[in-house]
Amino acid sequence: QVQLVESGGGLVQAGGSLRLSCAASGRTFNMYALGWFRQAPGKEREFVSHIDWRGGSIAYADPVKDRFIISRVNAKNTVYLQMNSLKPEDTAVYYCAATGVVTVDPHQYLYWGVGTQVTVSS
């Protein structure tokens, strides 16, 4: 069992940066791949980024590529999402999730946090 808690969301102007954190409980954190997803009002939840348990096998969705950076520190049971050059279309609730093998499919993720709101003003 893994419990995930996101933090770091907020209101930022376009062009600004935020760093999201996802803290996990459970001694087996370093066995899981972690993903970030987001959901804007009226839209489906979409893949943002994932990272495997070693910190490799990193992938990004095209809309965030070259602007977002995912990382993890297993010793701290934490995964991060550094978001730079934010755009109004990045506005969404951001969720972290854990799974056995990296995938972009949200249905394959076993554990989810409750999300953190990111709002980017123009």
N, C-alpha and C. Protein backbone atom coordinates (compact mmCIF):
# COMPACT_ATOMS: atom_id res chain seq x y z
N GLN A 1 0.85 -1.19 0.00
CA GLN A 1 0.00 0.00 0.00
C GLN A 1 0.89 1.24 0.00
N VAL A 2 0.56 2.19 -0.85
CA VAL A 2 1.29 3.46 -0.94
C VAL A 2 0.27 4.58 -0.86
N GLN A 3 0.53 5.54 0.00
CA GLN A 3 -0.30 6.75 0.06
C GLN A 3 0.51 7.91 -0.48
N LEU A 4 -0.12 8.71 -1.30
CA LEU A 4 0.55 9.81 -1.99
C LEU A 4 -0.12 11.13 -1.65
N VAL A 5 0.69 12.14 -1.37
CA VAL A 5 0.17 13.47 -1.05
C VAL A 5 0.94 14.50 -1.86
N GLU A 6 0.21 15.22 -2.73
CA GLU A 6 0.83 16.25 -3.55
C GLU A 6 0.83 17.59 -2.83
N SER A 7 1.79 18.42 -3.19
CA SER A 7 1.85 19.79 -2.68
C SER A 7 2.59 20.66 -3.68
N GLY A 8 2.52 21.98 -3.48
CA GLY A 8 3.28 22.89 -4.31
C GLY A 8 2.47 23.61 -5.37
N GLY A 9 1.20 23.27 -5.48
CA GLY A 9 0.37 23.97 -6.45
C GLY A 9 0.08 25.40 -6.01
N GLY A 10 -0.54 26.15 -6.92
CA GLY A 10 -0.88 27.52 -6.58
C GLY A 10 -1.19 28.33 -7.82
N LEU A 11 -1.23 29.64 -7.63
CA LEU A 11 -1.52 30.57 -8.72
C LEU A 11 -0.22 31.22 -9.16
N VAL A 12 0.04 31.22 -10.45
CA VAL A 12 1.26 31.79 -10.99
C VAL A 12 0.94 32.47 -12.31
N GLN A 13 1.69 33.50 -12.65
CA GLN A 13 1.50 34.17 -13.93
C GLN A 13 2.15 33.37 -15.06
N ALA A 14 1.65 33.55 -16.25
CA ALA A 14 2.23 32.89 -17.42
C ALA A 14 3.72 33.22 -17.50
N GLY A 15 4.51 32.20 -17.82
CA GLY A 15 5.95 32.36 -17.86
C GLY A 15 6.65 32.02 -16.56
N GLY A 16 5.88 31.86 -15.50
CA GLY A 16 6.45 31.55 -14.20
C GLY A 16 6.72 30.08 -14.02
N SER A 17 7.15 29.73 -12.79
CA SER A 17 7.52 28.35 -12.47
C SER A 17 6.87 27.91 -11.17
N LEU A 18 6.67 26.62 -11.06
CA LEU A 18 6.23 25.99 -9.83
C LEU A 18 6.93 24.63 -9.73
N ARG A 19 7.13 24.18 -8.49
CA ARG A 19 7.64 22.83 -8.30
C ARG A 19 6.64 22.05 -7.46
N LEU A 20 6.10 21.02 -8.04
CA LEU A 20 5.20 20.14 -7.32
C LEU A 20 5.99 19.03 -6.65
N SER A 21 5.53 18.65 -5.48
CA SER A 21 6.12 17.52 -4.77
C SER A 21 5.03 16.49 -4.51
N CYS A 22 5.44 15.25 -4.43
CA CYS A 22 4.53 14.17 -4.10
C CYS A 22 5.24 13.29 -3.08
N ALA A 23 4.76 13.35 -1.85
CA ALA A 23 5.36 12.58 -0.77
C ALA A 23 4.60 11.28 -0.60
N ALA A 24 5.33 10.19 -0.47
CA ALA A 24 4.71 8.88 -0.37
C ALA A 24 5.00 8.24 0.97
N SER A 25 4.05 7.51 1.46
CA SER A 25 4.26 6.69 2.65
C SER A 25 4.38 5.24 2.20
N GLY A 26 5.03 4.44 3.00
CA GLY A 26 5.19 3.04 2.62
C GLY A 26 6.64 2.72 2.36
N ARG A 27 7.07 1.59 2.86
CA ARG A 27 8.48 1.23 2.76
C ARG A 27 8.87 0.77 1.38
N THR A 28 7.91 0.52 0.50
CA THR A 28 8.23 -0.01 -0.82
C THR A 28 8.17 1.06 -1.90
N PHE A 29 8.28 2.32 -1.51
CA PHE A 29 8.19 3.43 -2.47
C PHE A 29 9.14 3.24 -3.62
N ASN A 30 10.38 2.81 -3.33
CA ASN A 30 11.37 2.74 -4.39
C ASN A 30 11.15 1.57 -5.34
N MET A 31 10.09 0.80 -5.13
CA MET A 31 9.77 -0.28 -6.06
C MET A 31 8.79 0.17 -7.14
N TYR A 32 8.24 1.36 -7.00
CA TYR A 32 7.19 1.80 -7.89
C TYR A 32 7.68 2.84 -8.89
N ALA A 33 7.11 2.76 -10.09
CA ALA A 33 7.24 3.85 -11.03
C ALA A 33 6.22 4.91 -10.64
N LEU A 34 6.56 6.16 -10.89
CA LEU A 34 5.68 7.27 -10.53
C LEU A 34 5.31 8.07 -11.76
N GLY A 35 4.09 8.54 -11.76
CA GLY A 35 3.64 9.36 -12.87
C GLY A 35 2.94 10.61 -12.38
N TRP A 36 2.96 11.63 -13.19
CA TRP A 36 2.17 12.84 -12.98
C TRP A 36 1.12 12.92 -14.08
N PHE A 37 -0.10 13.23 -13.67
CA PHE A 37 -1.21 13.42 -14.59
C PHE A 37 -1.87 14.75 -14.24
N ARG A 38 -2.70 15.23 -15.15
CA ARG A 38 -3.44 16.45 -14.86
C ARG A 38 -4.84 16.37 -15.47
N GLN A 39 -5.73 17.12 -14.87
CA GLN A 39 -7.11 17.14 -15.36
C GLN A 39 -7.64 18.56 -15.27
N ALA A 40 -7.97 19.12 -16.42
CA ALA A 40 -8.56 20.45 -16.50
C ALA A 40 -10.08 20.30 -16.46
N PRO A 41 -10.78 21.35 -16.08
CA PRO A 41 -12.25 21.28 -16.02
C PRO A 41 -12.84 20.87 -17.36
N GLY A 42 -13.73 19.89 -17.34
CA GLY A 42 -14.40 19.44 -18.54
C GLY A 42 -13.56 18.57 -19.45
N LYS A 43 -12.36 18.23 -19.00
CA LYS A 43 -11.48 17.40 -19.84
C LYS A 43 -11.13 16.11 -19.12
N GLU A 44 -10.65 15.14 -19.88
CA GLU A 44 -10.22 13.88 -19.29
C GLU A 44 -8.84 14.05 -18.65
N ARG A 45 -8.57 13.14 -17.71
CA ARG A 45 -7.25 13.14 -17.09
C ARG A 45 -6.22 12.76 -18.15
N GLU A 46 -5.11 13.50 -18.18
CA GLU A 46 -4.11 13.25 -19.20
C GLU A 46 -2.73 13.05 -18.60
N PHE A 47 -1.93 12.26 -19.28
CA PHE A 47 -0.56 11.97 -18.87
C PHE A 47 0.29 13.22 -19.00
N VAL A 48 1.17 13.43 -18.02
CA VAL A 48 2.12 14.53 -18.06
C VAL A 48 3.55 14.00 -18.15
N SER A 49 3.91 13.10 -17.21
CA SER A 49 5.28 12.61 -17.17
C SER A 49 5.34 11.36 -16.31
N HIS A 50 6.37 10.52 -16.55
CA HIS A 50 6.59 9.38 -15.66
C HIS A 50 8.08 9.15 -15.48
N ILE A 51 8.40 8.40 -14.43
CA ILE A 51 9.79 8.07 -14.11
C ILE A 51 9.80 6.70 -13.45
N ASP A 52 10.75 5.85 -13.81
CA ASP A 52 10.76 4.51 -13.23
C ASP A 52 11.45 4.53 -11.86
N TRP A 53 11.54 3.35 -11.23
CA TRP A 53 12.00 3.32 -9.84
C TRP A 53 13.46 3.72 -9.71
N ARG A 54 14.25 3.55 -10.78
CA ARG A 54 15.66 3.92 -10.73
C ARG A 54 15.88 5.40 -10.99
N GLY A 55 14.86 6.08 -11.45
CA GLY A 55 15.04 7.47 -11.87
C GLY A 55 15.33 7.58 -13.35
N GLY A 56 15.20 6.47 -14.05
CA GLY A 56 15.38 6.49 -15.50
C GLY A 56 14.04 6.32 -16.18
N SER A 57 14.06 5.89 -17.44
CA SER A 57 12.85 5.69 -18.21
C SER A 57 11.87 6.85 -18.03
N ILE A 58 12.37 8.03 -18.31
CA ILE A 58 11.58 9.25 -18.15
C ILE A 58 10.89 9.59 -19.46
N ALA A 59 9.65 10.03 -19.38
CA ALA A 59 8.91 10.45 -20.57
C ALA A 59 8.04 11.65 -20.22
N TYR A 60 7.77 12.44 -21.23
CA TYR A 60 6.93 13.63 -21.08
C TYR A 60 5.90 13.67 -22.20
N ALA A 61 4.74 14.20 -21.87
CA ALA A 61 3.76 14.49 -22.91
C ALA A 61 4.28 15.63 -23.78
N ASP A 62 3.92 15.63 -25.03
CA ASP A 62 4.41 16.66 -25.95
C ASP A 62 4.14 18.09 -25.48
N PRO A 63 2.97 18.39 -24.91
CA PRO A 63 2.70 19.79 -24.51
C PRO A 63 3.63 20.31 -23.42
N VAL A 64 4.29 19.42 -22.67
CA VAL A 64 5.12 19.88 -21.56
C VAL A 64 6.59 19.61 -21.79
N LYS A 65 6.90 18.93 -22.87
CA LYS A 65 8.29 18.58 -23.15
C LYS A 65 9.12 19.85 -23.25
N ASP A 66 10.31 19.79 -22.70
CA ASP A 66 11.27 20.91 -22.68
C ASP A 66 10.88 22.01 -21.71
N ARG A 67 9.76 21.87 -20.99
CA ARG A 67 9.38 22.85 -19.97
C ARG A 67 9.30 22.23 -18.58
N PHE A 68 8.91 20.97 -18.50
CA PHE A 68 8.75 20.29 -17.22
C PHE A 68 9.88 19.29 -17.01
N ILE A 69 10.25 19.09 -15.75
CA ILE A 69 11.29 18.12 -15.41
C ILE A 69 10.80 17.28 -14.23
N ILE A 70 10.82 15.96 -14.41
CA ILE A 70 10.43 15.05 -13.34
C ILE A 70 11.68 14.48 -12.69
N SER A 71 11.62 14.28 -11.39
CA SER A 71 12.75 13.68 -10.68
C SER A 71 12.21 12.99 -9.43
N ARG A 72 13.03 12.16 -8.82
CA ARG A 72 12.61 11.50 -7.59
C ARG A 72 13.82 11.32 -6.68
N VAL A 73 13.57 11.33 -5.39
CA VAL A 73 14.58 11.04 -4.38
C VAL A 73 14.01 9.92 -3.53
N ASN A 74 14.46 8.72 -3.79
CA ASN A 74 13.89 7.57 -3.08
C ASN A 74 14.15 7.63 -1.57
N ALA A 75 15.29 8.20 -1.19
CA ALA A 75 15.59 8.30 0.24
C ALA A 75 14.59 9.20 0.97
N LYS A 76 13.94 10.07 0.23
CA LYS A 76 12.94 10.97 0.82
C LYS A 76 11.52 10.55 0.46
N ASN A 77 11.38 9.43 -0.25
CA ASN A 77 10.05 8.97 -0.68
C ASN A 77 9.28 10.07 -1.40
N THR A 78 9.96 10.79 -2.26
CA THR A 78 9.35 11.96 -2.90
C THR A 78 9.66 11.99 -4.39
N VAL A 79 8.66 12.38 -5.16
CA VAL A 79 8.85 12.65 -6.58
C VAL A 79 8.48 14.10 -6.82
N TYR A 80 9.17 14.74 -7.74
CA TYR A 80 8.99 16.16 -8.01
C TYR A 80 8.61 16.38 -9.48
N LEU A 81 7.95 17.51 -9.70
CA LEU A 81 7.69 17.95 -11.06
C LEU A 81 8.01 19.44 -11.10
N GLN A 82 9.13 19.78 -11.70
CA GLN A 82 9.52 21.18 -11.89
C GLN A 82 8.85 21.67 -13.16
N MET A 83 8.05 22.71 -13.03
CA MET A 83 7.29 23.23 -14.16
C MET A 83 7.75 24.64 -14.47
N ASN A 84 8.31 24.83 -15.64
CA ASN A 84 8.83 26.12 -16.07
C ASN A 84 8.06 26.65 -17.26
N SER A 85 8.20 27.94 -17.50
CA SER A 85 7.53 28.58 -18.65
C SER A 85 6.06 28.20 -18.71
N LEU A 86 5.40 28.33 -17.59
CA LEU A 86 4.00 27.89 -17.51
C LEU A 86 3.09 28.72 -18.41
N LYS A 87 2.09 28.04 -18.92
CA LYS A 87 1.12 28.65 -19.84
C LYS A 87 -0.29 28.51 -19.24
N PRO A 88 -1.21 29.36 -19.62
CA PRO A 88 -2.58 29.23 -19.11
C PRO A 88 -3.17 27.84 -19.37
N GLU A 89 -2.79 27.22 -20.46
CA GLU A 89 -3.33 25.88 -20.78
C GLU A 89 -2.76 24.79 -19.87
N ASP A 90 -1.80 25.13 -19.03
CA ASP A 90 -1.31 24.18 -18.03
C ASP A 90 -2.21 24.15 -16.79
N THR A 91 -3.17 25.04 -16.73
CA THR A 91 -4.08 25.09 -15.59
C THR A 91 -4.85 23.79 -15.47
N ALA A 92 -4.76 23.16 -14.29
CA ALA A 92 -5.40 21.86 -14.06
C ALA A 92 -5.15 21.44 -12.63
N VAL A 93 -5.82 20.38 -12.22
CA VAL A 93 -5.45 19.68 -11.00
C VAL A 93 -4.41 18.64 -11.39
N TYR A 94 -3.29 18.66 -10.67
CA TYR A 94 -2.20 17.75 -10.96
C TYR A 94 -2.18 16.63 -9.92
N TYR A 95 -2.07 15.40 -10.42
CA TYR A 95 -2.08 14.21 -9.58
C TYR A 95 -0.79 13.44 -9.76
N CYS A 96 -0.28 12.86 -8.68
CA CYS A 96 0.78 11.88 -8.83
C CYS A 96 0.18 10.50 -8.58
N ALA A 97 0.81 9.51 -9.16
CA ALA A 97 0.29 8.15 -9.09
C ALA A 97 1.43 7.16 -9.15
N ALA A 98 1.19 5.98 -8.61
CA ALA A 98 2.23 4.94 -8.55
C ALA A 98 1.76 3.69 -9.28
N THR A 99 2.70 3.04 -9.93
CA THR A 99 2.40 1.83 -10.67
C THR A 99 3.62 0.92 -10.68
N GLY A 100 3.42 -0.31 -11.18
CA GLY A 100 4.53 -1.24 -11.19
C GLY A 100 5.53 -0.98 -12.31
N VAL A 101 5.01 -0.67 -13.49
CA VAL A 101 5.85 -0.47 -14.66
C VAL A 101 5.42 0.83 -15.32
N VAL A 102 6.36 1.63 -15.76
CA VAL A 102 6.01 2.93 -16.35
C VAL A 102 5.06 2.76 -17.53
N THR A 103 4.08 3.62 -17.57
CA THR A 103 3.09 3.63 -18.63
C THR A 103 2.44 5.00 -18.67
N VAL A 104 1.89 5.35 -19.82
CA VAL A 104 1.17 6.63 -19.94
C VAL A 104 -0.33 6.43 -19.67
N ASP A 105 -0.75 5.17 -19.50
CA ASP A 105 -2.17 4.85 -19.32
C ASP A 105 -2.56 5.02 -17.86
N PRO A 106 -3.41 5.98 -17.53
CA PRO A 106 -3.78 6.20 -16.13
C PRO A 106 -4.48 5.00 -15.50
N HIS A 107 -5.12 4.17 -16.30
CA HIS A 107 -5.83 3.02 -15.76
C HIS A 107 -4.89 1.96 -15.21
N GLN A 108 -3.61 2.04 -15.55
CA GLN A 108 -2.63 1.07 -15.07
C GLN A 108 -1.99 1.49 -13.74
N TYR A 109 -2.33 2.67 -13.26
CA TYR A 109 -1.75 3.15 -12.00
C TYR A 109 -2.59 2.66 -10.83
N LEU A 110 -1.89 2.22 -9.79
CA LEU A 110 -2.54 1.55 -8.67
C LEU A 110 -2.95 2.52 -7.56
N TYR A 111 -2.13 3.51 -7.33
CA TYR A 111 -2.35 4.43 -6.21
C TYR A 111 -2.31 5.86 -6.72
N TRP A 112 -3.18 6.69 -6.15
CA TRP A 112 -3.31 8.08 -6.58
C TRP A 112 -3.35 9.01 -5.36
N GLY A 113 -2.78 10.20 -5.56
CA GLY A 113 -2.96 11.26 -4.59
C GLY A 113 -4.27 11.99 -4.86
N VAL A 114 -4.58 12.96 -4.01
CA VAL A 114 -5.84 13.70 -4.15
C VAL A 114 -5.70 14.90 -5.07
N GLY A 115 -4.49 15.23 -5.46
CA GLY A 115 -4.28 16.30 -6.42
C GLY A 115 -3.97 17.63 -5.79
N THR A 116 -3.35 18.50 -6.59
CA THR A 116 -3.05 19.86 -6.19
C THR A 116 -3.36 20.78 -7.37
N GLN A 117 -4.03 21.90 -7.07
CA GLN A 117 -4.48 22.80 -8.13
C GLN A 117 -3.34 23.70 -8.60
N VAL A 118 -3.18 23.78 -9.91
CA VAL A 118 -2.24 24.71 -10.53
C VAL A 118 -3.06 25.63 -11.43
N THR A 119 -2.94 26.93 -11.20
CA THR A 119 -3.65 27.90 -12.00
C THR A 119 -2.65 28.89 -12.57
N VAL A 120 -2.66 29.03 -13.89
CA VAL A 120 -1.73 29.93 -14.57
C VAL A 120 -2.54 31.05 -15.20
N SER A 121 -2.28 32.27 -14.76
CA SER A 121 -3.01 33.42 -15.28
C SER A 121 -2.27 34.02 -16.47
N SER A 122 -3.05 34.59 -17.38
CA SER A 122 -2.44 35.19 -18.59
C SER A 122 -2.08 36.64 -18.36
